[in-house]
Protein backbone atom coordinates (compact mmCIF):
# COMPACT_ATOMS: atom_id res chain seq x y z
CA MET A 1 82.95 95.17 74.18
CA TRP A 2 84.51 92.92 71.56
CA CYS A 3 86.70 90.62 73.54
CA ILE A 4 87.38 86.88 73.27
CA TRP A 5 89.19 84.93 75.96
CA LEU A 6 90.67 81.55 75.02
CA LYS A 7 91.75 80.44 78.45
CA GLU A 8 93.15 77.04 77.57
CA LYS A 9 95.61 78.77 75.25
CA ASN A 10 96.09 81.74 77.59
CA TYR A 11 95.43 84.59 75.14
CA PHE A 12 92.66 86.99 74.28
CA PHE A 13 91.57 89.48 71.63
CA PHE A 14 90.34 92.97 72.43
CA LEU A 15 89.21 96.10 70.62
CA TYR A 16 90.79 99.52 71.18
CA LYS A 17 89.92 102.60 69.09
CA LYS A 18 88.33 100.39 66.40
CA GLN A 19 91.49 98.31 66.03
CA LYS A 20 91.82 94.69 67.09
CA TYR A 21 94.65 93.41 69.26
CA LEU A 22 95.86 90.06 70.49
CA PHE A 23 97.39 89.59 73.92
CA LEU A 24 99.50 86.46 74.46
CA GLY A 25 99.42 85.63 78.15
CA LYS A 26 102.36 83.24 78.30
CA GLU A 27 104.67 85.44 76.21
CA ARG A 28 103.23 88.61 77.80
CA LYS A 29 103.15 90.36 74.40
CA VAL A 30 100.59 92.47 72.53
CA PHE A 31 99.99 92.33 68.77
CA LEU A 32 98.03 94.69 66.55
CA ILE A 33 96.00 92.52 64.17
CA ASP A 34 96.29 93.96 60.66
CA ASN A 35 94.06 91.30 59.19
CA PRO A 36 92.66 88.61 61.53
CA LEU A 37 91.89 86.23 58.66
CA LYS A 38 95.43 86.34 57.28
CA GLY A 39 96.95 86.43 60.73
CA LYS A 40 99.32 89.33 60.17
CA PHE A 41 100.57 90.74 63.44
CA ILE A 42 102.49 93.89 64.29
CA LEU A 43 104.45 93.50 67.51
CA SER A 44 103.88 96.09 70.22
CA ASN A 45 106.86 96.92 72.43
CA TYR A 46 105.03 95.61 75.48
CA LYS A 47 107.42 94.67 78.26
CA SER A 48 106.87 93.00 81.61
CA LYS A 49 108.76 91.37 84.42
CA LYS A 50 109.91 87.81 83.78
CA GLU A 51 107.55 85.11 84.92
CA GLY A 52 108.63 82.08 86.88
CA LYS A 53 109.54 81.53 90.50
CA ASP A 54 109.16 84.59 92.67
CA LYS A 55 112.72 85.48 93.62
CA PHE A 56 111.37 87.40 96.62
CA SER A 57 109.49 84.44 98.11
CA ARG A 58 112.36 83.78 100.53
CA VAL A 59 112.19 87.35 101.83
CA ALA A 60 110.14 88.17 104.93
CA ASN A 61 108.42 91.47 104.16
CA ILE A 62 107.83 93.15 107.52
CA THR A 63 105.99 96.45 107.68
CA PHE A 64 105.94 98.32 110.98
CA ASP A 65 102.89 100.58 111.17
CA ILE A 66 104.78 102.42 113.81
CA THR A 67 102.16 104.92 115.02
CA ASP A 68 98.61 106.15 114.46
CA LYS A 69 99.54 109.62 115.69
CA CYS A 70 99.72 112.34 113.07
CA ASN A 71 100.59 116.03 112.81
CA MET A 72 98.24 116.57 109.88
CA ASP A 73 94.47 116.64 109.66
CA CYS A 74 93.71 115.32 106.17
CA ILE A 75 90.07 115.67 105.16
CA TYR A 76 89.96 112.12 103.74
CA CYS A 77 92.09 110.21 106.30
CA TYR A 78 91.23 106.51 105.86
CA ALA A 79 92.63 105.63 109.30
CA TYR A 80 90.60 108.17 111.25
CA THR A 81 89.36 106.83 114.60
CA LYS A 82 88.53 108.33 117.97
CA LYS A 83 90.59 105.79 119.91
CA LYS A 84 93.66 106.86 121.88
CA LYS A 85 96.71 107.25 119.65
CA LYS A 86 100.01 105.57 120.45
CA ILE A 87 103.51 104.71 119.25
CA MET A 88 104.82 101.16 118.87
CA LYS A 89 106.97 99.75 121.65
CA PHE A 90 110.48 98.72 120.65
CA GLU A 91 109.87 95.32 122.25
CA THR A 92 107.09 94.65 119.70
CA ALA A 93 109.47 95.22 116.79
CA ARG A 94 112.27 93.28 118.48
CA LEU A 95 110.13 90.15 118.96
CA MET A 96 108.98 90.18 115.33
CA ILE A 97 112.52 90.66 114.03
CA ASP A 98 113.85 87.86 116.26
CA PHE A 99 111.04 85.57 115.09
CA MET A 100 111.88 86.14 111.43
CA GLN A 101 115.64 85.98 111.97
CA ASN A 102 115.10 82.49 113.44
CA ASN A 103 112.53 81.39 110.85
CA LYS A 104 114.06 78.93 108.37
CA ASP A 105 111.47 79.81 105.70
CA TYR A 106 113.18 83.13 104.99
CA ASP A 107 116.71 83.98 103.87
CA SER A 108 116.49 87.75 104.36
CA LEU A 109 114.32 90.53 105.78
CA SER A 110 112.75 93.55 104.13
CA ILE A 111 111.68 96.06 106.78
CA SER A 112 109.38 98.94 105.90
CA PHE A 113 108.06 101.76 108.05
CA THR A 114 104.65 103.26 107.52
CA GLY A 115 101.89 104.55 109.70
CA SER A 116 98.16 104.88 110.07
CA GLY A 117 99.54 108.22 111.25
CA GLU A 118 102.89 109.83 110.37
CA PRO A 119 105.81 107.37 110.89
CA THR A 120 108.49 110.06 111.21
CA LEU A 121 106.89 111.21 114.47
CA ALA A 122 108.83 108.24 115.86
CA PHE A 123 112.01 108.65 113.82
CA ASN A 124 114.33 107.83 116.71
CA LEU A 125 112.45 104.54 117.16
CA ILE A 126 112.83 103.81 113.44
CA LYS A 127 116.60 104.21 113.74
CA LYS A 128 116.71 102.02 116.85
CA ILE A 129 114.76 99.23 115.11
CA VAL A 130 116.98 99.40 112.03
CA ASN A 131 120.18 99.25 114.08
CA TYR A 132 118.86 96.22 115.95
CA ALA A 133 117.69 94.41 112.80
CA LYS A 134 121.06 94.80 111.11
CA LYS A 135 122.79 93.00 114.00
CA GLY A 136 121.04 89.75 113.01
CA LYS A 137 122.49 86.97 110.85
CA LYS A 138 120.18 87.54 107.86
CA PRO A 139 120.66 90.48 105.48
CA VAL A 140 118.20 93.34 105.95
CA LYS A 141 116.90 96.00 103.57
CA VAL A 142 115.22 99.09 104.99
CA TYR A 143 112.46 101.21 103.46
CA LEU A 144 110.64 104.29 104.72
CA ALA A 145 107.49 103.38 102.83
CA ASN A 146 105.64 106.66 103.12
CA THR A 147 105.66 110.03 104.86
CA ASN A 148 103.96 113.41 104.69
CA ALA A 149 107.49 114.93 104.59
CA SER A 150 106.78 117.69 107.08
CA LEU A 151 108.83 116.62 110.10
CA LEU A 152 112.16 115.37 108.76
CA LYS A 153 115.24 117.39 109.69
CA LYS A 154 118.50 117.65 107.74
CA GLU A 155 120.22 114.98 109.89
CA ASP A 156 117.23 112.62 109.42
CA ILE A 157 117.42 113.01 105.64
CA LYS A 158 121.16 112.32 105.70
CA TRP A 159 120.48 109.13 107.67
CA LEU A 160 117.82 108.06 105.15
CA ALA A 161 120.13 108.77 102.23
CA LYS A 162 122.62 106.36 103.79
CA ASN A 163 120.24 103.65 105.05
CA ASN A 164 117.07 103.66 102.92
CA SER A 165 117.08 100.96 100.22
CA GLY A 166 114.51 102.36 97.80
CA SER A 167 112.18 105.15 96.85
CA ILE A 168 110.18 106.91 99.57
CA THR A 169 106.55 107.71 98.80
CA VAL A 170 105.61 111.25 99.83
CA SER A 171 101.90 111.95 100.21
CA PHE A 172 101.59 115.42 98.73
CA GLU A 173 98.93 117.13 96.59
CA VAL A 174 101.59 119.26 94.81
CA LEU A 175 99.38 122.30 94.16
CA GLU A 176 99.47 124.75 97.07
CA ASP A 177 95.74 125.45 97.37
CA ILE A 178 94.84 121.76 97.15
CA GLN A 179 97.54 120.67 99.62
CA ASN A 180 96.48 123.27 102.20
CA PHE A 181 92.82 122.33 101.78
CA GLN A 182 93.10 118.53 101.73
CA ARG A 183 96.20 117.98 103.87
CA PRO A 184 96.47 120.82 106.42
CA PHE A 185 98.32 120.63 109.72
CA LYS A 186 96.30 120.32 112.92
CA GLY A 187 94.31 123.48 113.53
CA ASN A 188 93.77 123.86 109.76
CA LYS A 189 97.21 125.43 109.31
CA PRO A 190 98.77 125.36 105.81
CA SER A 191 101.34 122.62 105.17
CA PHE A 192 102.50 123.26 101.60
CA LYS A 193 105.58 125.38 102.31
CA LYS A 194 106.94 123.03 104.97
CA VAL A 195 106.61 119.98 102.71
CA MET A 196 108.31 121.82 99.85
CA GLU A 197 111.22 122.72 102.15
CA THR A 198 111.68 119.03 102.95
CA LEU A 199 111.49 117.94 99.31
CA LYS A 200 114.15 120.49 98.40
CA LEU A 201 116.38 118.82 101.01
CA PHE A 202 115.55 115.41 99.50
CA ASP A 203 116.81 116.76 96.19
CA LYS A 204 119.92 118.28 97.77
CA PHE A 205 120.96 114.96 99.33
CA ASN A 206 119.83 112.91 96.30
CA LEU A 207 117.26 110.96 98.27
CA GLU A 208 115.12 108.86 95.94
CA TYR A 209 111.40 109.56 96.28
CA GLY A 210 108.08 109.57 94.48
CA ILE A 211 105.00 111.70 95.09
CA ARG A 212 101.57 110.20 95.70
CA VAL A 213 98.63 112.44 94.83
CA THR A 214 95.17 111.56 96.17
CA LEU A 215 92.53 112.57 93.64
CA THR A 216 89.23 114.07 94.76
CA LYS A 217 86.59 116.14 93.03
CA LYS A 218 88.80 119.15 93.81
CA ASN A 219 91.86 118.02 91.87
CA TYR A 220 91.23 115.00 89.61
CA LYS A 221 91.26 117.26 86.53
CA LYS A 222 94.53 118.88 87.62
CA ILE A 223 96.94 115.97 87.21
CA ILE A 224 98.73 117.69 84.31
CA ASP A 225 99.12 120.82 86.46
CA CYS A 226 100.79 118.65 89.11
CA ILE A 227 103.18 117.20 86.53
CA LYS A 228 104.11 120.69 85.30
CA PHE A 229 104.80 121.93 88.83
CA ILE A 230 106.96 118.94 89.75
CA LYS A 231 109.02 119.13 86.56
CA GLU A 232 109.67 122.84 87.09
CA ASN A 233 110.40 122.78 90.82
CA LEU A 234 111.64 119.33 91.94
CA LYS A 235 113.97 116.52 90.85
CA CYS A 236 111.25 113.93 91.44
CA ARG A 237 110.29 112.05 88.28
CA LEU A 238 107.84 109.54 89.76
CA ILE A 239 104.19 110.40 90.45
CA LYS A 240 101.54 108.00 91.73
CA ILE A 241 97.87 108.88 91.40
CA ASP A 242 94.99 107.21 93.17
CA PRO A 243 91.33 108.19 93.70
CA VAL A 244 90.26 108.94 97.26
CA SER A 245 88.87 106.02 99.26
CA ILE A 246 85.54 106.93 100.88
CA SER A 247 86.40 105.47 104.25
CA GLY A 248 87.42 106.83 107.64
CA LYS A 249 87.05 110.61 107.74
CA ALA A 250 86.12 110.70 104.04
CA LYS A 251 82.75 109.20 104.95
CA LYS A 252 81.88 112.65 106.29
CA ASN A 253 82.89 114.13 102.93
CA PRO A 254 81.32 111.82 100.30
CA GLN A 255 81.29 114.73 97.83
CA LEU A 256 85.04 114.15 97.45
CA LYS A 257 84.46 110.89 95.57
CA VAL A 258 85.80 110.44 92.04
CA THR A 259 84.30 107.64 89.96
CA MET A 260 86.65 105.10 88.41
CA MET A 261 85.52 106.18 84.94
CA GLN A 262 86.36 109.84 85.69
CA TYR A 263 89.71 108.65 87.04
CA ALA A 264 90.39 106.51 83.95
CA LYS A 265 89.62 109.37 81.55
CA GLU A 266 91.89 111.91 83.27
CA ALA A 267 94.65 109.36 83.88
CA GLN A 268 94.95 108.62 80.16
CA LYS A 269 95.31 112.33 79.34
CA ALA A 270 97.95 112.71 82.03
CA TYR A 271 99.92 109.67 80.82
CA GLU A 272 100.56 111.19 77.42
CA PHE A 273 101.67 114.49 78.94
CA ALA A 274 103.85 112.77 81.55
CA LYS A 275 105.65 110.68 78.92
CA LYS A 276 106.48 113.75 76.84
CA ASN A 277 107.91 115.45 79.92
CA GLY A 278 110.04 112.60 81.24
CA ILE A 279 107.76 111.82 84.19
CA HIS A 280 106.84 108.25 85.15
CA LEU A 281 103.15 108.29 86.07
CA VAL A 282 101.88 105.28 88.00
CA ILE A 283 98.15 104.62 88.03
CA VAL A 284 97.92 102.95 91.43
CA SER A 285 94.41 101.48 91.10
CA MET A 286 94.88 100.21 87.56
CA ALA A 287 96.71 96.92 87.46
CA GLN A 288 99.23 94.89 89.38
CA ARG A 289 101.18 91.97 87.94
CA ARG A 290 101.68 89.48 90.70
CA LYS A 291 101.23 85.81 89.94
CA ASN A 292 98.11 84.97 91.95
CA GLU A 293 97.03 88.04 93.85
CA PHE A 294 96.45 91.76 93.52
CA CYS A 295 98.92 92.97 96.14
CA LYS A 296 101.07 92.13 99.14
CA ALA A 297 98.01 91.87 101.39
CA LEU A 298 97.57 88.30 100.14
CA GLU A 299 101.19 87.22 99.97
CA PRO A 300 102.22 84.57 102.52
CA ASN A 301 105.50 86.36 103.28
CA SER A 302 104.03 89.80 104.11
CA PHE A 303 103.39 90.95 107.69
CA THR A 304 102.22 94.35 108.95
CA ILE A 305 102.58 94.98 112.70
CA ASN A 306 100.77 97.93 114.26
CA SER A 307 101.29 99.85 117.50
CA SER A 308 98.69 97.65 119.23
CA ASN A 309 100.79 94.53 118.54
CA SER A 310 98.40 93.09 115.94
CA ILE A 311 99.72 91.31 112.84
CA ILE A 312 97.81 92.29 109.71
CA SER A 313 98.36 91.47 106.05
CA CYS A 314 96.91 94.71 104.61
CA PRO A 315 98.65 97.96 105.72
CA ALA A 316 95.48 99.91 104.90
CA TYR A 317 93.71 97.98 107.68
CA ALA A 318 96.48 98.44 110.25
CA PHE A 319 94.39 100.89 112.29
CA ASP A 320 91.66 98.28 113.00
CA ASP A 321 92.42 95.99 115.96
CA ASN A 322 89.04 94.25 115.97
CA PRO A 323 89.42 90.69 114.60
CA LYS A 324 85.66 90.59 113.88
CA SER A 325 85.76 93.59 111.56
CA ASN A 326 89.27 93.18 110.20
CA PRO A 327 89.57 90.21 107.80
CA PHE A 328 93.29 90.88 107.40
CA LEU A 329 94.18 90.56 111.10
CA PHE A 330 95.74 87.11 111.50
CA GLY A 331 98.08 87.29 114.46
CA LYS A 332 99.50 89.19 117.41
CA ILE A 333 102.68 89.90 119.33
CA ASP A 334 102.28 88.65 122.89
CA LEU A 335 104.56 90.93 124.88
CA LYS A 336 103.79 89.26 128.21
CA ASN A 337 104.85 85.79 127.07
CA LYS A 338 107.27 87.07 124.43
CA LYS A 339 105.63 85.14 121.60
CA VAL A 340 104.48 85.72 118.02
CA ILE A 341 101.08 84.08 117.54
CA PHE A 342 99.23 83.39 114.27
CA ASP A 343 95.55 82.56 113.63
CA LYS A 344 95.68 79.68 111.12
CA ASN A 345 91.96 79.92 110.29
CA LYS A 346 92.32 83.57 109.33
CA ILE A 347 95.28 82.72 107.11
CA ILE A 348 93.27 79.98 105.37
CA ASN A 349 90.40 82.43 104.78
CA LEU A 350 92.77 85.03 103.33
CA ASN A 351 94.15 82.44 100.94
CA LYS A 352 90.64 82.01 99.54
CA LYS A 353 90.80 85.53 98.10
CA ARG A 354 92.12 84.41 94.76
CA VAL A 355 90.75 85.30 91.36
CA GLU A 356 89.83 81.67 90.73
CA SER A 357 87.55 81.71 93.78
CA LEU A 358 85.50 84.63 92.39
CA LYS A 359 83.26 83.14 89.66
CA LYS A 360 82.64 86.45 87.92
CA CYS A 361 86.34 87.32 87.87
CA ASN A 362 87.52 83.83 86.98
CA LYS A 363 85.78 84.05 83.61
CA CYS A 364 87.09 87.52 82.83
CA SER A 365 89.99 87.92 80.39
CA TYR A 366 91.39 90.87 82.31
CA ASN A 367 92.07 88.90 85.47
CA LEU A 368 95.64 88.46 84.25
CA PHE A 369 96.17 92.04 85.39
CA CYS A 370 93.82 92.90 88.24
CA PHE A 371 93.43 89.45 89.88
CA GLY A 372 89.98 90.39 91.12
CA GLY A 373 90.94 93.83 92.39
CA CYS A 374 91.90 95.33 95.74
CA PRO A 375 91.09 92.95 98.64
CA LYS A 376 90.27 95.90 100.90
CA ILE A 377 87.62 97.14 98.45
CA ASP A 378 86.33 93.65 97.67
CA TYR A 379 85.66 92.63 101.28
CA SER A 380 82.00 92.74 102.36
CA HIS A 381 81.56 93.41 106.08
CA LYS A 382 77.93 92.35 105.69
CA THR A 383 78.56 88.85 104.30
CA LYS A 384 82.09 88.51 105.78
CA LYS A 385 83.29 87.38 102.35
CA PHE A 386 85.35 88.69 99.46
CA ILE A 387 83.12 89.65 96.53
CA PRO A 388 83.86 90.71 92.93
CA PRO A 389 84.21 94.45 92.20
CA THR A 390 81.19 96.41 90.93
CA LYS A 391 80.36 96.57 87.21
CA SER A 392 81.28 100.27 86.94
CA TYR A 393 84.59 99.67 88.72
CA CYS A 394 85.43 96.82 86.33
CA SER A 395 84.44 98.80 83.23
CA ALA A 396 86.79 101.64 84.16
CA ARG A 397 89.61 99.26 85.02
CA LYS A 398 89.22 97.41 81.71
CA LYS A 399 89.31 100.70 79.84
CA LEU A 400 92.59 101.57 81.51
CA ILE A 401 94.07 98.12 80.96
CA ARG A 402 93.33 98.25 77.22
CA TYR A 403 94.94 101.67 77.01
CA MET A 404 97.97 100.58 79.03
CA LEU A 405 98.50 97.42 76.97
CA VAL A 406 98.30 99.18 73.62
CA ASN A 407 100.48 102.06 74.76
CA ASN A 408 103.05 99.92 76.52
CA ARG A 409 102.32 101.26 80.02
CA ILE A 410 101.60 98.32 82.34
CA ASP A 411 103.58 99.07 85.54
């Protein structure tokens, strides 16, 4: 691949469909090179968030992984374990909120609710936590991060419309046969109709939401069909797509796996169709644009608390309470002594997962976008270290990044 990275000047050239482009890192702009020798550039309408100090650095991002119980039986559940399921105690949430309300490092709190299971199974607890948090001195924003949208009642949706600060992510495969196959209720009962009933109520009460579709071998070529269905039947105009992670229950179904190159190819097709139809399609595994890390799992102001009172930086690892196998577990809520405790050594180790610490990634021009990739994927349980992504994974990601840059699509 024709690509030159001039790091000291923070720009690089790349080739896309036999045309050469220049990306200026500092200005965050893309140019089509008409004639490299004469230096004639055509400006692309590439836009990005302003660089500089992170205005959210004074916000404590608290995610309550409120339960690992679930009413569905998804065939690829990443959080599948045989351990006894439970719901978070209110005291756990109260201690964490009090700790952050009294912490001088933060001016405000952002509280999200998610679950290794289905968070709305404990909706009354969610409301109780929110009411308590809002009594504190610091301002609080509330987010229901994700749900399978099968349990919420009309009064719950009204409450969310009033209290939720942003878009809710609904895990939903959109197409009836795929939803009922991949995300059935317990006992293999169909879930499609119930979820659709809830989404119609979301639309009725103008609740902002996006739909997250997990792509497997069964549906990765049906993204455009999903877009058509949503446009025709729902008000939602935000779709997130992500290939299935072969972990948890999916290990028993490895045939579900979609390669990153297959994902990249279908995602590009879907992008063009989505744009024409007024749908914002987010390629979740493509690229993030944080300053030094891929995602919130490595941000010093992000804390996920699970129902076992562990403090974890990566929500996708919230189901694992074993500090030996979970590199993202760096603290706990001590209910007996009413304390919040952090493991400083774990925090130091997490801080080492930076693109500059991965030799292969540090030399790569595309690290401005992926920052070495997903920490969850990059962690080796064998070596107990973070390692660079595989060659095939990188090739597919680079293909997507080039497409997104040229077509003005970096999210």
